[in-house]
N, C-alpha and C. Protein backbone atom coordinates (compact mmCIF):
# COMPACT_ATOMS: atom_id res chain seq x y z
N MET A 1 -6.37 11.68 12.53
CA MET A 1 -6.31 10.74 13.64
C MET A 1 -7.57 10.93 14.49
N PRO A 2 -8.29 9.85 14.78
CA PRO A 2 -9.51 10.01 15.55
C PRO A 2 -9.25 10.36 17.00
N THR A 3 -10.12 11.16 17.55
CA THR A 3 -10.10 11.46 18.97
C THR A 3 -11.36 10.88 19.57
N GLU A 4 -11.48 10.92 20.87
CA GLU A 4 -12.66 10.37 21.51
C GLU A 4 -13.93 11.06 21.02
N ASN A 5 -13.84 12.35 20.71
CA ASN A 5 -15.01 13.10 20.25
C ASN A 5 -15.44 12.76 18.84
N ASN A 6 -14.53 12.26 17.99
CA ASN A 6 -14.92 11.99 16.61
C ASN A 6 -14.70 10.54 16.20
N LEU A 7 -14.77 9.60 17.16
CA LEU A 7 -14.55 8.20 16.83
C LEU A 7 -15.49 7.70 15.74
N PHE A 8 -16.72 8.19 15.73
CA PHE A 8 -17.68 7.71 14.75
C PHE A 8 -17.87 8.70 13.62
N ASP A 9 -16.90 9.52 13.35
CA ASP A 9 -16.99 10.48 12.26
C ASP A 9 -16.57 9.81 10.96
N HIS A 10 -17.54 9.19 10.30
CA HIS A 10 -17.25 8.50 9.05
C HIS A 10 -16.83 9.45 7.93
N THR A 11 -17.12 10.73 8.07
CA THR A 11 -16.76 11.70 7.03
C THR A 11 -15.26 11.99 7.05
N ALA A 12 -14.56 11.57 8.09
CA ALA A 12 -13.11 11.80 8.17
C ALA A 12 -12.31 10.72 7.46
N ILE A 13 -12.98 9.73 6.90
CA ILE A 13 -12.27 8.67 6.18
C ILE A 13 -11.66 9.26 4.91
N ASP A 14 -10.43 8.94 4.65
CA ASP A 14 -9.70 9.43 3.48
C ASP A 14 -10.28 8.80 2.21
N ASP A 15 -11.01 9.59 1.42
CA ASP A 15 -11.66 9.08 0.21
C ASP A 15 -10.66 8.64 -0.85
N VAL A 16 -9.47 9.20 -0.84
CA VAL A 16 -8.47 8.79 -1.82
C VAL A 16 -8.11 7.33 -1.60
N ILE A 17 -7.96 6.93 -0.36
CA ILE A 17 -7.61 5.54 -0.03
C ILE A 17 -8.83 4.64 -0.04
N HIS A 18 -9.97 5.15 0.36
CA HIS A 18 -11.13 4.32 0.65
C HIS A 18 -11.73 3.61 -0.56
N GLY A 19 -11.47 4.08 -1.76
CA GLY A 19 -11.97 3.36 -2.94
C GLY A 19 -11.43 1.94 -2.93
N ARG A 20 -12.23 0.98 -3.31
CA ARG A 20 -11.87 -0.44 -3.19
C ARG A 20 -10.53 -0.77 -3.83
N LEU A 21 -10.32 -0.35 -5.06
CA LEU A 21 -9.08 -0.69 -5.74
C LEU A 21 -7.89 0.07 -5.14
N ARG A 22 -8.08 1.35 -4.81
CA ARG A 22 -6.99 2.12 -4.19
C ARG A 22 -6.66 1.55 -2.82
N LEU A 23 -7.64 1.08 -2.11
CA LEU A 23 -7.41 0.43 -0.81
C LEU A 23 -6.53 -0.81 -1.00
N GLY A 24 -6.83 -1.60 -2.01
CA GLY A 24 -6.01 -2.78 -2.28
C GLY A 24 -4.58 -2.43 -2.64
N ILE A 25 -4.42 -1.38 -3.46
CA ILE A 25 -3.08 -0.93 -3.84
C ILE A 25 -2.29 -0.49 -2.61
N MET A 26 -2.91 0.33 -1.79
CA MET A 26 -2.24 0.82 -0.58
C MET A 26 -1.90 -0.33 0.38
N ALA A 27 -2.83 -1.24 0.56
CA ALA A 27 -2.59 -2.36 1.47
C ALA A 27 -1.42 -3.20 0.97
N TYR A 28 -1.40 -3.47 -0.33
CA TYR A 28 -0.33 -4.30 -0.88
C TYR A 28 1.02 -3.58 -0.77
N LEU A 29 1.06 -2.31 -1.17
CA LEU A 29 2.32 -1.58 -1.11
C LEU A 29 2.82 -1.39 0.33
N SER A 30 1.91 -1.39 1.28
CA SER A 30 2.34 -1.23 2.68
C SER A 30 3.10 -2.46 3.17
N THR A 31 3.00 -3.57 2.43
CA THR A 31 3.68 -4.79 2.86
C THR A 31 4.84 -5.19 1.97
N VAL A 32 4.84 -4.77 0.69
CA VAL A 32 5.89 -5.22 -0.23
C VAL A 32 6.58 -4.08 -0.96
N ASN A 33 6.51 -2.90 -0.45
CA ASN A 33 7.04 -1.69 -1.08
C ASN A 33 8.49 -1.83 -1.49
N PRO A 34 8.89 -1.61 -2.73
CA PRO A 34 8.07 -1.30 -3.90
C PRO A 34 7.57 -2.57 -4.58
N ALA A 35 6.71 -2.38 -5.59
CA ALA A 35 6.19 -3.50 -6.36
C ALA A 35 6.06 -3.08 -7.81
N SER A 36 6.16 -4.04 -8.71
CA SER A 36 6.01 -3.73 -10.12
C SER A 36 4.53 -3.53 -10.45
N PHE A 37 4.29 -2.79 -11.52
CA PHE A 37 2.92 -2.55 -11.98
C PHE A 37 2.20 -3.89 -12.18
N GLY A 38 2.85 -4.82 -12.86
CA GLY A 38 2.23 -6.12 -13.14
C GLY A 38 1.91 -6.91 -11.88
N GLU A 39 2.79 -6.83 -10.92
CA GLU A 39 2.58 -7.51 -9.63
C GLU A 39 1.35 -6.96 -8.93
N VAL A 40 1.24 -5.62 -8.88
CA VAL A 40 0.08 -4.99 -8.23
C VAL A 40 -1.18 -5.32 -9.02
N ARG A 41 -1.12 -5.21 -10.34
CA ARG A 41 -2.28 -5.51 -11.21
C ARG A 41 -2.81 -6.91 -10.92
N ASP A 42 -1.91 -7.87 -10.87
CA ASP A 42 -2.33 -9.25 -10.63
C ASP A 42 -2.87 -9.44 -9.23
N ARG A 43 -2.27 -8.77 -8.28
CA ARG A 43 -2.67 -8.93 -6.87
C ARG A 43 -4.06 -8.35 -6.61
N VAL A 44 -4.35 -7.18 -7.22
CA VAL A 44 -5.66 -6.54 -6.98
C VAL A 44 -6.68 -6.89 -8.06
N LYS A 45 -6.25 -7.71 -9.03
CA LYS A 45 -7.13 -8.21 -10.09
C LYS A 45 -7.80 -7.07 -10.86
N ALA A 46 -6.97 -6.20 -11.42
CA ALA A 46 -7.46 -5.04 -12.16
C ALA A 46 -6.93 -5.09 -13.59
N SER A 47 -7.63 -4.40 -14.47
CA SER A 47 -7.11 -4.25 -15.83
C SER A 47 -6.01 -3.18 -15.81
N ASP A 48 -5.17 -3.17 -16.83
CA ASP A 48 -4.10 -2.18 -16.90
C ASP A 48 -4.65 -0.76 -16.84
N GLY A 49 -5.69 -0.50 -17.65
CA GLY A 49 -6.25 0.85 -17.70
C GLY A 49 -6.87 1.29 -16.39
N ASN A 50 -7.63 0.40 -15.76
CA ASN A 50 -8.27 0.74 -14.48
C ASN A 50 -7.21 0.98 -13.41
N LEU A 51 -6.21 0.11 -13.37
CA LEU A 51 -5.14 0.28 -12.39
C LEU A 51 -4.41 1.60 -12.62
N SER A 52 -4.12 1.93 -13.86
CA SER A 52 -3.42 3.18 -14.18
C SER A 52 -4.20 4.39 -13.67
N ALA A 53 -5.52 4.38 -13.84
CA ALA A 53 -6.34 5.51 -13.38
C ALA A 53 -6.26 5.67 -11.87
N HIS A 54 -6.31 4.56 -11.15
CA HIS A 54 -6.25 4.63 -9.68
C HIS A 54 -4.85 4.98 -9.20
N ILE A 55 -3.83 4.50 -9.89
CA ILE A 55 -2.47 4.87 -9.54
C ILE A 55 -2.28 6.38 -9.70
N SER A 56 -2.83 6.94 -10.77
CA SER A 56 -2.72 8.38 -11.00
C SER A 56 -3.33 9.18 -9.85
N LYS A 57 -4.47 8.72 -9.35
CA LYS A 57 -5.11 9.42 -8.23
C LYS A 57 -4.25 9.34 -6.96
N LEU A 58 -3.68 8.18 -6.70
CA LEU A 58 -2.81 8.03 -5.52
C LEU A 58 -1.52 8.84 -5.69
N GLU A 59 -1.01 8.88 -6.90
CA GLU A 59 0.21 9.65 -7.17
C GLU A 59 -0.06 11.14 -7.01
N LYS A 60 -1.19 11.60 -7.51
CA LYS A 60 -1.55 13.02 -7.39
C LYS A 60 -1.68 13.44 -5.92
N ALA A 61 -2.15 12.52 -5.08
CA ALA A 61 -2.28 12.80 -3.64
C ALA A 61 -0.92 12.74 -2.93
N GLY A 62 0.10 12.24 -3.63
CA GLY A 62 1.42 12.12 -3.02
C GLY A 62 1.60 10.83 -2.23
N TYR A 63 0.67 9.89 -2.38
CA TYR A 63 0.72 8.66 -1.60
C TYR A 63 1.64 7.61 -2.20
N ILE A 64 1.79 7.64 -3.52
CA ILE A 64 2.71 6.71 -4.15
C ILE A 64 3.58 7.47 -5.15
N GLU A 65 4.71 6.89 -5.45
CA GLU A 65 5.62 7.43 -6.46
C GLU A 65 5.74 6.37 -7.55
N VAL A 66 5.65 6.81 -8.79
CA VAL A 66 5.77 5.90 -9.93
C VAL A 66 7.17 6.06 -10.52
N GLU A 67 7.87 4.95 -10.61
CA GLU A 67 9.22 4.94 -11.18
C GLU A 67 9.18 4.15 -12.48
N LYS A 68 9.59 4.78 -13.56
CA LYS A 68 9.66 4.10 -14.86
C LYS A 68 11.13 3.91 -15.21
N ARG A 69 11.47 2.68 -15.56
CA ARG A 69 12.86 2.37 -15.88
C ARG A 69 12.89 1.23 -16.90
N PHE A 70 14.07 0.91 -17.34
CA PHE A 70 14.25 -0.19 -18.28
C PHE A 70 15.10 -1.26 -17.62
N ILE A 71 14.73 -2.50 -17.86
CA ILE A 71 15.55 -3.64 -17.46
C ILE A 71 15.95 -4.29 -18.79
N GLY A 72 17.19 -4.08 -19.16
CA GLY A 72 17.59 -4.44 -20.52
C GLY A 72 16.88 -3.49 -21.46
N LYS A 73 16.12 -4.05 -22.37
CA LYS A 73 15.35 -3.22 -23.30
C LYS A 73 13.87 -3.21 -22.98
N ARG A 74 13.52 -3.80 -21.86
CA ARG A 74 12.10 -3.88 -21.48
C ARG A 74 11.75 -2.81 -20.45
N PRO A 75 10.67 -2.07 -20.71
CA PRO A 75 10.25 -1.07 -19.73
C PRO A 75 9.64 -1.73 -18.49
N GLN A 76 9.85 -1.11 -17.35
CA GLN A 76 9.24 -1.59 -16.12
C GLN A 76 8.77 -0.39 -15.31
N THR A 77 7.57 -0.51 -14.79
CA THR A 77 7.01 0.51 -13.90
C THR A 77 6.96 -0.06 -12.51
N ARG A 78 7.55 0.66 -11.57
CA ARG A 78 7.55 0.25 -10.16
C ARG A 78 6.81 1.29 -9.35
N LEU A 79 6.08 0.81 -8.38
CA LEU A 79 5.28 1.67 -7.51
C LEU A 79 5.88 1.66 -6.11
N HIS A 80 6.06 2.85 -5.56
CA HIS A 80 6.63 3.00 -4.22
C HIS A 80 5.63 3.73 -3.34
N LEU A 81 5.41 3.23 -2.15
CA LEU A 81 4.61 3.94 -1.16
C LEU A 81 5.49 5.03 -0.56
N THR A 82 5.03 6.28 -0.59
CA THR A 82 5.82 7.39 -0.05
C THR A 82 5.63 7.48 1.46
N GLN A 83 6.43 8.32 2.10
CA GLN A 83 6.25 8.56 3.55
C GLN A 83 4.87 9.16 3.82
N ILE A 84 4.45 10.08 2.96
CA ILE A 84 3.10 10.67 3.10
C ILE A 84 2.05 9.57 2.94
N GLY A 85 2.27 8.67 1.98
CA GLY A 85 1.34 7.57 1.77
C GLY A 85 1.27 6.63 2.95
N ARG A 86 2.44 6.31 3.52
CA ARG A 86 2.46 5.42 4.69
C ARG A 86 1.72 6.06 5.86
N LYS A 87 1.93 7.36 6.07
CA LYS A 87 1.23 8.06 7.15
C LYS A 87 -0.27 8.07 6.90
N ALA A 88 -0.67 8.33 5.66
CA ALA A 88 -2.10 8.32 5.32
C ALA A 88 -2.70 6.94 5.53
N TRP A 89 -1.95 5.90 5.16
CA TRP A 89 -2.41 4.52 5.34
C TRP A 89 -2.61 4.20 6.83
N ILE A 90 -1.64 4.58 7.64
CA ILE A 90 -1.75 4.33 9.09
C ILE A 90 -2.92 5.12 9.67
N ASN A 91 -3.10 6.36 9.24
CA ASN A 91 -4.24 7.15 9.71
C ASN A 91 -5.55 6.51 9.29
N TRP A 92 -5.62 5.99 8.07
CA TRP A 92 -6.83 5.33 7.59
C TRP A 92 -7.15 4.13 8.47
N LEU A 93 -6.12 3.30 8.74
CA LEU A 93 -6.32 2.13 9.60
C LEU A 93 -6.76 2.53 11.01
N THR A 94 -6.12 3.55 11.55
CA THR A 94 -6.45 4.02 12.89
C THR A 94 -7.89 4.51 12.95
N HIS A 95 -8.30 5.24 11.92
CA HIS A 95 -9.67 5.75 11.91
C HIS A 95 -10.67 4.60 11.80
N LYS A 96 -10.39 3.61 10.98
CA LYS A 96 -11.29 2.46 10.86
C LYS A 96 -11.40 1.73 12.21
N GLN A 97 -10.28 1.59 12.92
CA GLN A 97 -10.31 0.96 14.23
C GLN A 97 -11.16 1.78 15.19
N GLY A 98 -11.05 3.11 15.08
CA GLY A 98 -11.86 3.99 15.92
C GLY A 98 -13.34 3.83 15.66
N LEU A 99 -13.72 3.67 14.40
CA LEU A 99 -15.13 3.44 14.06
C LEU A 99 -15.63 2.14 14.67
N ILE A 100 -14.79 1.12 14.65
CA ILE A 100 -15.18 -0.17 15.23
C ILE A 100 -15.34 -0.04 16.75
N LYS A 101 -14.39 0.64 17.39
CA LYS A 101 -14.43 0.81 18.84
C LYS A 101 -15.58 1.71 19.29
N ALA A 102 -16.01 2.62 18.43
CA ALA A 102 -17.10 3.54 18.79
C ALA A 102 -18.38 2.79 19.08
N GLY A 103 -18.54 1.60 18.49
CA GLY A 103 -19.74 0.82 18.71
C GLY A 103 -19.73 0.02 20.00
N ASP A 104 -18.58 -0.03 20.66
CA ASP A 104 -18.47 -0.82 21.92
C ASP A 104 -19.13 -0.12 23.07
């Protein structure tokens, strides 16, 4: 969380979230949690493989949880934003706002 002393500390930005595709995943999940893999893939316009790699990074950080299940005989992967992920997302947004305000 930015303080008055570190409003312009760009090094405090969460690199796990800051990647373009991971940012899109986090932003989408923050509004529609949970979402299917295909829904997120289509929304962020990523290939299956690229999306999987970024999901793994977010999952390793504890920001999202991957749920694999079957609907009938069809597999489905659902992505859930965790409490840790929601807090990290809010902190990321707060820090970005602080960077903007630092220029005022």
